[in-house]
Amino acid sequence: MSADPTRAGGPGGGSGSGGGSGATLSEAQLAAAVTAYFSAMDALDVEATVALFAEDGELECVTDGRHPRGHAELRAFFHGVVDGSHGMEHPVTWQAIDAARGAVATIQDYRDVRDTGAVYDERTCNFFRIAPDGRIQSIRFWRGKAS
């Protein structure tokens, strides 16, 4: 396991096996998939964010019960998140990687200033499942107040 949130590489790239059916991605490849996700979110780029998911990928916000599945529902969900944002950031403060299971757990801060004047300053916890091709199969996340 790794707790380094600054791993480099890219989905399907980097060292180790990966990309093929049944292949195991390296820790660096898994970390890169997570980094790409938060970078696309912070860039407010809905299409780049959705493209990181498998066609049947899903996201579950355990805190409020939202559970979009597939690219069309994910696109609508992410538009609801980024539309009206003046900029957001998700600095990862901790992560654990289980390469054998294609899983990554992260804790990050979430900051966002909205057109409405609302300011989000939260801590979130995400559990990622990454498919052997480097795409996100699922994310389960919780939101809470920053400490």
Protein backbone atom coordinates (compact mmCIF):
# COMPACT_ATOMS: atom_id res chain seq x y z
CA MET A 1 0.00 0.00 0.00
CA SER A 2 1.03 3.54 -0.61
CA ALA A 3 0.09 6.74 1.19
CA ASP A 4 1.75 9.10 -1.30
CA PRO A 5 -0.80 11.44 -2.94
CA THR A 6 1.77 12.70 -5.45
CA ARG A 7 2.28 9.54 -7.52
CA ALA A 8 2.95 10.17 -11.22
CA GLY A 9 1.95 8.38 -14.43
CA GLY A 10 -1.32 8.11 -16.27
CA PRO A 11 -4.20 5.71 -16.62
CA GLY A 12 -2.83 2.79 -18.61
CA GLY A 13 0.67 4.32 -18.56
CA GLY A 14 3.64 4.11 -16.27
CA SER A 15 5.42 1.04 -14.96
CA GLY A 16 3.98 -2.36 -14.15
CA SER A 17 1.37 -4.33 -16.00
CA GLY A 18 -1.92 -2.89 -17.05
CA GLY A 19 -4.18 -2.04 -19.90
CA GLY A 20 -5.07 -5.59 -20.87
CA SER A 21 -8.01 -7.65 -19.72
CA GLY A 22 -7.34 -9.18 -16.31
CA ALA A 23 -4.09 -7.22 -15.91
CA THR A 24 -3.27 -5.53 -12.63
CA LEU A 25 -2.45 -1.85 -12.70
CA SER A 26 0.55 -0.62 -10.75
CA GLU A 27 0.22 1.66 -7.73
CA ALA A 28 1.48 4.54 -9.88
CA GLN A 29 -1.19 3.88 -12.53
CA LEU A 30 -3.95 3.72 -9.92
CA ALA A 31 -2.74 6.91 -8.26
CA ALA A 32 -2.58 8.61 -11.66
CA ALA A 33 -6.23 7.72 -12.37
CA VAL A 34 -7.24 9.37 -9.09
CA THR A 35 -5.06 12.41 -9.79
CA ALA A 36 -6.61 12.74 -13.27
CA TYR A 37 -10.10 12.63 -11.74
CA PHE A 38 -9.46 15.41 -9.22
CA SER A 39 -7.55 17.47 -11.82
CA ALA A 40 -10.48 17.29 -14.26
CA MET A 41 -12.90 18.23 -11.49
CA ASP A 42 -10.74 21.16 -10.39
CA ALA A 43 -10.52 22.33 -14.01
CA LEU A 44 -14.37 22.28 -14.07
CA ASP A 45 -14.11 20.03 -17.15
CA VAL A 46 -17.20 17.82 -17.20
CA GLU A 47 -16.29 16.00 -20.44
CA ALA A 48 -12.78 15.16 -19.23
CA THR A 49 -14.20 13.94 -15.93
CA VAL A 50 -16.81 11.70 -17.58
CA ALA A 51 -14.22 10.32 -20.03
CA LEU A 52 -12.26 8.93 -17.06
CA PHE A 53 -15.15 6.55 -16.24
CA ALA A 54 -15.91 3.19 -17.80
CA GLU A 55 -19.09 3.25 -19.94
CA ASP A 56 -20.98 1.55 -17.11
CA GLY A 57 -19.11 3.49 -14.41
CA GLU A 58 -20.94 4.78 -11.39
CA LEU A 59 -20.60 7.24 -8.57
CA GLU A 60 -22.39 7.11 -5.23
CA CYS A 61 -22.60 10.03 -2.83
CA VAL A 62 -23.39 8.09 0.33
CA THR A 63 -24.02 11.34 2.23
CA ASP A 64 -27.03 12.42 0.16
CA GLY A 65 -28.01 9.25 -1.73
CA ARG A 66 -27.21 10.37 -5.29
CA HIS A 67 -26.05 7.47 -7.47
CA PRO A 68 -25.54 8.29 -11.17
CA ARG A 69 -24.62 5.39 -13.48
CA GLY A 70 -23.31 5.49 -17.02
CA HIS A 71 -21.93 8.45 -18.93
CA ALA A 72 -25.22 10.31 -19.47
CA GLU A 73 -26.15 10.30 -15.76
CA LEU A 74 -22.57 11.07 -14.72
CA ARG A 75 -22.46 14.01 -17.13
CA ALA A 76 -25.67 15.45 -15.66
CA PHE A 77 -24.35 14.92 -12.12
CA PHE A 78 -21.02 16.63 -12.82
CA HIS A 79 -22.72 19.56 -14.54
CA GLY A 80 -24.69 20.02 -11.32
CA VAL A 81 -21.41 20.07 -9.41
CA VAL A 82 -19.30 22.36 -11.60
CA ASP A 83 -21.87 24.67 -13.23
CA GLY A 84 -21.99 27.81 -11.12
CA SER A 85 -18.56 27.24 -9.59
CA HIS A 86 -15.94 29.98 -9.56
CA GLY A 87 -13.31 27.31 -8.99
CA MET A 88 -12.88 24.29 -6.81
CA GLU A 89 -10.00 22.32 -5.43
CA HIS A 90 -9.63 18.86 -3.96
CA PRO A 91 -6.16 18.61 -2.38
CA VAL A 92 -5.62 14.97 -1.42
CA THR A 93 -4.25 14.73 2.11
CA TRP A 94 -4.04 10.92 2.34
CA GLN A 95 -4.47 7.90 0.13
CA ALA A 96 -4.07 4.15 0.35
CA ILE A 97 -3.67 1.98 -2.72
CA ASP A 98 -4.48 -1.73 -3.04
CA ALA A 99 -3.11 -2.61 -6.48
CA ALA A 100 -4.23 -6.24 -6.28
CA ARG A 101 -7.86 -5.08 -6.04
CA GLY A 102 -7.60 -1.99 -8.25
CA ALA A 103 -8.74 0.09 -5.30
CA VAL A 104 -7.75 3.49 -3.93
CA ALA A 105 -9.08 5.23 -0.82
CA THR A 106 -8.52 8.97 -0.45
CA ILE A 107 -9.19 11.75 2.00
CA GLN A 108 -9.18 15.26 0.62
CA ASP A 109 -10.34 18.74 1.36
CA TYR A 110 -12.99 20.18 -0.92
CA ARG A 111 -13.20 23.91 -1.42
CA ASP A 112 -15.60 25.64 -3.78
CA VAL A 113 -16.99 29.14 -4.20
CA ARG A 114 -20.35 29.23 -6.00
CA ASP A 115 -22.08 31.91 -8.09
CA THR A 116 -24.68 32.06 -5.33
CA GLY A 117 -22.04 33.17 -2.83
CA ALA A 118 -22.10 29.81 -1.05
CA VAL A 119 -18.69 28.58 0.02
CA TYR A 120 -18.00 24.89 0.54
CA ASP A 121 -15.17 23.99 2.88
CA GLU A 122 -15.49 20.27 3.47
CA ARG A 123 -13.53 17.09 3.95
CA THR A 124 -14.45 14.18 1.71
CA CYS A 125 -13.56 10.51 1.67
CA ASN A 126 -13.56 8.61 -1.63
CA PHE A 127 -13.26 4.92 -2.47
CA PHE A 128 -12.24 4.28 -6.08
CA ARG A 129 -12.39 1.03 -8.05
CA ILE A 130 -10.26 1.27 -11.17
CA ALA A 131 -10.77 -1.18 -14.07
CA PRO A 132 -7.73 -2.92 -15.62
CA ASP A 133 -7.91 -0.47 -18.57
CA GLY A 134 -7.31 2.46 -16.17
CA ARG A 135 -10.87 3.81 -16.25
CA ILE A 136 -12.87 4.45 -13.12
CA GLN A 137 -15.42 1.70 -12.51
CA SER A 138 -16.88 3.26 -9.38
CA ILE A 139 -16.46 5.92 -6.74
CA ARG A 140 -18.24 5.93 -3.38
CA PHE A 141 -17.79 9.12 -1.41
CA TRP A 142 -18.85 10.86 1.77
CA ARG A 143 -18.93 14.60 2.48
CA GLY A 144 -18.47 16.23 5.85
CA LYS A 145 -17.38 19.44 7.50
CA ALA A 146 -13.69 20.25 7.40
CA SER A 147 -12.03 19.94 10.77
